[in-house]
Amino acid sequence: MSAGDILRAPSLTKLPWLVHGFSTRFGGVSKVYGGNALNLGFTAHDTKASVENNRREFICALTTPAERKSRTSTGQQPPLITLRQIHSDLVRRITELPKSNAPLAGDGMVTNVPGILLGVLTADCLPVIVVDPKHRAVGVFHAGWRGTSKRIVEKGVGEMHRWFGSEPRYLKAAIGPGIRGCCYEIGPEVRSAFEAQFTYGSELFRETKDRNEIHEKYPLLFLTSRAPGHSELPKKIFLDLAEANRRQLLAAGVPAKNISDLRLCTICRQDLFFSHRGENGVTGRMMAAVGIRD
């Protein structure tokens, strides 16, 4: 793959010391997800060798030509640290390479250590990158509905303040590709979880009535004694996960002008991204990665 296959937030590319990027589904060697797929997760359907090769290509594409040339001579790449993601609000501070081969459990990482990459895997859930330009610290978070309802991004900003002295007013954040409000249909229990946690919870949802052609063609079949005389069609509920995370960043003190969103939906753009829902669970994983240059 090439650096052109990596998506970047324009607001973050202005920081010369920062390495960051969001992968797509293309540019790898995996054959199980449509051919030449850049699957970056160790899934049940792909081989370990293919994923390891894909990760090397992804790391290479994240770096500059000069860095790639320098590392070609040494055969070394910056180490990539990932998590065993558990849909939690657990944020890990990374100070060194894990001593065990078993990945740490959690859904967020923060660091101020140069020379390493932090990565989270997604296939509909939102990846969120947060950067402190003042103290040169970074964080990356895996925000599905569970992690979002537990305020993982808001807590991540708090952890950056705790460990690195990061002031939210100086932070920059980027929301990457993920399932969007146009496609993210959820059940009433998810809505209840958000409305119980956030004063603005009800504003994160929209409702549509399920279209029923039989109901529309033969309305008399559905007459009831209820006013106005017809039984109501079931409602579909959609969650705007990106807005939920944007609201958390704002609540944590990050200025609106410092929050960027790639505004790409993984279900709408299955030509470009893996989608767990869109592909009925048989799909690869993308990665959002961030790091500090040596």
Protein backbone atom coordinates (compact mmCIF):
# COMPACT_ATOMS: atom_id res chain seq x y z
CA MET A 1 0.00 0.00 0.00
CA SER A 2 1.02 3.63 -0.30
CA ALA A 3 0.70 6.65 1.95
CA GLY A 4 -2.14 7.74 -0.33
CA ASP A 5 -4.25 4.84 0.96
CA ILE A 6 -4.21 6.30 4.48
CA LEU A 7 -6.83 8.83 5.54
CA ARG A 8 -5.65 11.73 7.67
CA ALA A 9 -7.33 14.60 9.47
CA PRO A 10 -6.19 17.85 7.81
CA SER A 11 -6.09 19.61 11.18
CA LEU A 12 -3.54 17.10 12.47
CA THR A 13 -1.26 17.01 9.43
CA LYS A 14 -0.04 20.49 10.41
CA LEU A 15 1.86 18.99 13.36
CA PRO A 16 5.24 17.81 12.00
CA TRP A 17 6.03 15.70 15.08
CA LEU A 18 2.78 13.72 14.83
CA VAL A 19 2.20 10.39 13.09
CA HIS A 20 -1.45 9.49 12.54
CA GLY A 21 -3.81 7.85 10.11
CA PHE A 22 -7.00 5.87 9.51
CA SER A 23 -6.77 2.81 7.29
CA THR A 24 -9.25 1.74 4.59
CA ARG A 25 -10.03 -1.78 3.37
CA PHE A 26 -7.51 -1.66 0.51
CA GLY A 27 -3.77 -2.05 0.11
CA GLY A 28 -3.06 -5.38 1.78
CA VAL A 29 -2.56 -9.05 0.98
CA SER A 30 -5.61 -10.62 2.64
CA LYS A 31 -7.76 -12.62 0.20
CA VAL A 32 -10.74 -13.49 2.38
CA TYR A 33 -12.44 -10.08 2.31
CA GLY A 34 -12.52 -9.32 -1.39
CA GLY A 35 -8.86 -9.58 -2.36
CA ASN A 36 -5.98 -7.19 -1.64
CA ALA A 37 -7.71 -6.36 1.63
CA LEU A 38 -5.85 -4.51 4.36
CA ASN A 39 -7.27 -6.47 7.25
CA LEU A 40 -5.43 -5.34 10.38
CA GLY A 41 -7.22 -7.52 12.91
CA PHE A 42 -6.48 -11.14 13.80
CA THR A 43 -9.89 -12.43 12.75
CA ALA A 44 -11.08 -16.04 12.53
CA HIS A 45 -11.14 -15.94 8.73
CA ASP A 46 -7.70 -14.50 7.93
CA THR A 47 -4.20 -15.87 8.44
CA LYS A 48 -1.81 -14.51 11.03
CA ALA A 49 0.88 -14.10 8.36
CA SER A 50 -1.41 -11.95 6.20
CA VAL A 51 -2.38 -9.69 9.10
CA GLU A 52 1.23 -9.26 10.19
CA ASN A 53 2.20 -8.34 6.63
CA ASN A 54 -0.70 -5.89 6.44
CA ARG A 55 0.35 -4.24 9.68
CA ARG A 56 3.89 -3.78 8.40
CA GLU A 57 2.53 -2.15 5.25
CA PHE A 58 0.22 0.09 7.27
CA ILE A 59 3.04 1.27 9.53
CA CYS A 60 5.23 1.90 6.50
CA ALA A 61 2.50 3.99 4.85
CA LEU A 62 2.10 6.09 8.00
CA THR A 63 5.72 7.23 7.93
CA THR A 64 7.49 9.74 5.68
CA PRO A 65 9.71 8.70 2.72
CA ALA A 66 12.79 9.76 4.68
CA GLU A 67 11.74 7.65 7.66
CA ARG A 68 11.03 4.68 5.42
CA LYS A 69 14.44 5.00 3.78
CA SER A 70 16.17 5.23 7.15
CA ARG A 71 14.37 2.20 8.54
CA THR A 72 14.99 0.13 5.41
CA SER A 73 18.66 0.07 6.30
CA THR A 74 17.99 -1.08 9.87
CA GLY A 75 14.98 -3.27 9.12
CA GLN A 76 13.11 -1.72 12.04
CA GLN A 77 9.69 -0.10 12.30
CA PRO A 78 8.18 1.79 15.21
CA PRO A 79 6.46 -0.76 17.48
CA LEU A 80 2.66 -0.90 17.26
CA ILE A 81 0.70 -1.36 20.48
CA THR A 82 -2.92 -2.54 20.34
CA LEU A 83 -5.46 -3.64 22.93
CA ARG A 84 -7.80 -6.52 23.59
CA GLN A 85 -10.85 -4.34 23.06
CA ILE A 86 -13.75 -5.02 25.43
CA HIS A 87 -16.22 -2.15 24.75
CA SER A 88 -15.25 -0.46 28.00
CA ASP A 89 -14.22 2.95 29.33
CA LEU A 90 -10.79 1.63 30.32
CA VAL A 91 -7.94 3.91 29.16
CA ARG A 92 -4.36 2.70 29.40
CA ARG A 93 -1.32 4.94 29.83
CA ILE A 94 1.52 3.50 27.74
CA THR A 95 5.00 4.22 29.06
CA GLU A 96 6.87 1.30 27.50
CA LEU A 97 6.33 -1.76 25.33
CA PRO A 98 4.19 -4.40 27.04
CA LYS A 99 6.38 -7.10 28.53
CA SER A 100 3.88 -9.85 27.72
CA ASN A 101 2.69 -11.07 24.33
CA ALA A 102 -0.87 -10.92 25.66
CA PRO A 103 -2.39 -7.52 24.77
CA LEU A 104 -3.68 -5.24 27.48
CA ALA A 105 -7.46 -5.09 27.86
CA GLY A 106 -9.19 -1.77 27.29
CA ASP A 107 -10.47 0.60 24.64
CA GLY A 108 -8.24 3.64 24.87
CA MET A 109 -4.55 4.46 25.14
CA VAL A 110 -2.60 7.62 25.88
CA THR A 111 1.13 8.31 25.78
CA ASN A 112 3.80 10.99 25.61
CA VAL A 113 6.56 8.53 24.68
CA PRO A 114 8.08 9.11 21.22
CA GLY A 115 8.80 6.29 18.82
CA ILE A 116 5.76 4.06 19.39
CA LEU A 117 2.40 3.78 17.68
CA LEU A 118 -0.93 3.29 19.45
CA GLY A 119 -3.69 1.63 17.42
CA VAL A 120 -7.36 0.69 17.88
CA LEU A 121 -9.30 -1.61 15.56
CA THR A 122 -12.74 -0.80 14.15
CA ALA A 123 -15.29 -2.10 11.67
CA ASP A 124 -18.24 0.22 12.47
CA CYS A 125 -17.36 1.62 15.90
CA LEU A 126 -15.80 5.07 15.84
CA PRO A 127 -12.08 5.69 16.23
CA VAL A 128 -11.21 8.99 17.92
CA ILE A 129 -7.71 10.49 18.01
CA VAL A 130 -6.86 13.24 20.51
CA VAL A 131 -3.64 15.25 20.37
CA ASP A 132 -2.01 17.70 22.77
CA PRO A 133 0.21 20.01 20.66
CA LYS A 134 1.48 21.86 23.74
CA HIS A 135 2.80 18.88 25.70
CA ARG A 136 3.26 16.48 22.77
CA ALA A 137 0.95 13.80 24.06
CA VAL A 138 -1.56 11.66 22.15
CA GLY A 139 -4.51 9.37 22.71
CA VAL A 140 -6.61 7.02 20.61
CA PHE A 141 -10.01 5.58 21.57
CA HIS A 142 -12.37 2.86 20.35
CA ALA A 143 -15.87 4.26 20.78
CA GLY A 144 -18.76 1.90 20.15
CA TRP A 145 -22.11 2.60 21.72
CA ARG A 146 -21.14 0.90 24.98
CA GLY A 147 -17.86 2.75 25.35
CA THR A 148 -19.51 5.99 24.32
CA SER A 149 -22.31 5.56 26.86
CA LYS A 150 -19.55 5.06 29.47
CA ARG A 151 -17.87 8.31 28.33
CA ILE A 152 -14.61 6.79 27.15
CA VAL A 153 -13.53 9.84 25.12
CA GLU A 154 -14.46 12.26 27.89
CA LYS A 155 -12.52 10.14 30.37
CA GLY A 156 -9.63 9.89 27.91
CA VAL A 157 -9.28 13.67 27.89
CA GLY A 158 -9.29 13.54 31.69
CA GLU A 159 -6.52 10.94 31.67
CA MET A 160 -4.40 13.11 29.39
CA HIS A 161 -4.83 15.99 31.83
CA ARG A 162 -3.98 13.71 34.74
CA TRP A 163 -0.83 12.20 33.28
CA PHE A 164 0.54 14.88 30.98
CA GLY A 165 -0.98 18.13 32.20
CA SER A 166 -2.98 18.47 28.97
CA GLU A 167 -5.32 21.44 28.96
CA PRO A 168 -8.52 20.63 27.03
CA ARG A 169 -8.62 24.09 25.42
CA TYR A 170 -5.44 23.26 23.50
CA LEU A 171 -6.37 19.72 22.45
CA LYS A 172 -7.17 18.74 18.88
CA ALA A 173 -9.43 15.78 18.10
CA ALA A 174 -10.31 13.82 14.97
CA ILE A 175 -13.28 11.48 14.57
CA GLY A 176 -12.58 8.80 11.97
CA PRO A 177 -14.71 6.54 9.76
CA GLY A 178 -17.53 4.67 11.49
CA ILE A 179 -21.20 3.89 11.37
CA ARG A 180 -23.22 7.10 11.21
CA GLY A 181 -26.66 8.29 12.19
CA CYS A 182 -27.95 7.53 8.70
CA CYS A 183 -27.44 3.80 9.24
CA TYR A 184 -26.97 3.06 12.95
CA GLU A 185 -30.30 1.53 13.91
CA ILE A 186 -30.46 0.56 17.57
CA GLY A 187 -32.96 -0.78 20.07
CA PRO A 188 -34.83 1.18 22.76
CA GLU A 189 -32.49 -0.16 25.45
CA VAL A 190 -29.58 1.73 23.86
CA ARG A 191 -31.60 4.91 23.76
CA SER A 192 -32.51 4.46 27.42
CA ALA A 193 -28.84 4.00 28.34
CA PHE A 194 -27.88 7.32 26.73
CA GLU A 195 -30.85 9.26 28.02
CA ALA A 196 -30.04 8.06 31.54
CA GLN A 197 -26.44 9.27 31.23
CA PHE A 198 -26.60 12.52 29.28
CA THR A 199 -28.85 15.56 29.61
CA TYR A 200 -28.70 15.89 25.82
CA GLY A 201 -29.26 12.14 25.29
CA SER A 202 -32.57 12.50 23.45
CA GLU A 203 -30.93 14.82 20.92
CA LEU A 204 -28.63 12.02 19.72
CA PHE A 205 -31.47 10.00 18.18
CA ARG A 206 -33.87 10.24 15.30
CA GLU A 207 -36.93 8.14 14.61
CA THR A 208 -38.56 6.96 11.42
CA LYS A 209 -41.68 4.91 10.92
CA ASP A 210 -41.13 1.56 9.28
CA ARG A 211 -42.65 1.71 5.80
CA ASN A 212 -45.20 -1.01 5.19
CA GLU A 213 -46.55 -1.28 1.66
CA ILE A 214 -49.47 -3.53 2.71
CA HIS A 215 -50.44 -1.03 5.41
CA GLU A 216 -50.34 1.80 2.88
CA LYS A 217 -52.31 -0.08 0.21
CA TYR A 218 -54.99 -1.54 2.51
CA PRO A 219 -55.30 0.86 5.48
CA LEU A 220 -58.77 -0.47 6.48
CA LEU A 221 -57.20 -3.78 7.48
CA PHE A 222 -55.36 -1.97 10.25
CA LEU A 223 -58.25 0.00 11.76
CA THR A 224 -58.34 0.00 15.55
CA SER A 225 -60.42 1.69 18.18
CA ARG A 226 -57.47 3.93 19.01
CA ALA A 227 -57.56 7.54 17.85
CA PRO A 228 -57.08 8.52 15.12
CA GLY A 229 -58.36 5.11 14.11
CA HIS A 230 -55.29 3.30 12.84
CA SER A 231 -52.64 1.23 14.56
CA GLU A 232 -49.26 2.88 14.42
CA LEU A 233 -46.36 1.51 12.45
CA PRO A 234 -43.30 0.45 14.44
CA LYS A 235 -40.58 3.06 14.79
CA LYS A 236 -36.95 2.70 13.85
CA ILE A 237 -34.43 4.44 16.11
CA PHE A 238 -31.06 5.68 14.84
CA LEU A 239 -28.12 6.83 16.98
CA ASP A 240 -25.69 9.56 15.90
CA LEU A 241 -22.56 8.09 17.47
CA ALA A 242 -20.27 10.76 16.01
CA GLU A 243 -22.35 13.54 17.54
CA ALA A 244 -22.35 11.71 20.86
CA ASN A 245 -18.56 11.70 20.89
CA ARG A 246 -18.35 15.29 19.69
CA ARG A 247 -20.58 16.30 22.61
CA GLN A 248 -18.27 14.47 25.01
CA LEU A 249 -15.24 16.28 23.68
CA LEU A 250 -17.06 19.58 24.10
CA ALA A 251 -18.12 18.62 27.62
CA ALA A 252 -14.49 17.83 28.43
CA GLY A 253 -13.48 21.34 27.35
CA VAL A 254 -12.18 20.77 23.81
CA PRO A 255 -13.20 23.77 21.64
CA ALA A 256 -15.59 23.01 18.78
CA LYS A 257 -13.15 24.49 16.26
CA ASN A 258 -10.55 21.93 17.37
CA ILE A 259 -12.77 18.92 16.63
CA SER A 260 -12.66 17.55 13.09
CA ASP A 261 -14.77 14.75 11.64
CA LEU A 262 -14.01 12.79 8.47
CA ARG A 263 -17.81 12.28 8.13
CA LEU A 264 -17.48 8.86 6.48
CA CYS A 265 -19.99 6.08 7.13
CA THR A 266 -18.69 2.52 7.07
CA ILE A 267 -22.04 1.08 5.98
CA CYS A 268 -22.66 3.63 3.22
CA ARG A 269 -19.06 3.22 1.99
CA GLN A 270 -18.47 -0.51 2.07
CA ASP A 271 -16.55 0.04 -1.15
CA LEU A 272 -13.94 1.78 1.01
CA PHE A 273 -14.32 0.39 4.53
CA PHE A 274 -15.02 -2.83 6.39
CA SER A 275 -18.43 -2.91 8.06
CA HIS A 276 -19.35 -5.52 10.66
CA ARG A 277 -23.07 -4.84 10.25
CA GLY A 278 -22.99 -4.35 6.51
CA GLU A 279 -21.13 -7.63 5.97
CA ASN A 280 -22.99 -9.68 8.59
CA GLY A 281 -19.97 -10.07 10.84
CA VAL A 282 -17.70 -11.62 8.21
CA THR A 283 -15.32 -8.77 7.63
CA GLY A 284 -11.88 -7.37 8.37
CA ARG A 285 -10.76 -4.65 10.73
CA MET A 286 -9.44 -1.17 10.07
CA MET A 287 -7.10 0.69 12.35
CA ALA A 288 -6.68 4.21 13.65
CA ALA A 289 -3.13 4.86 14.78
CA VAL A 290 -1.28 7.76 16.37
CA GLY A 291 2.23 8.35 17.62
CA ILE A 292 4.99 10.85 18.33
CA ARG A 293 8.02 10.96 16.05
CA ASP A 294 11.45 10.38 17.59
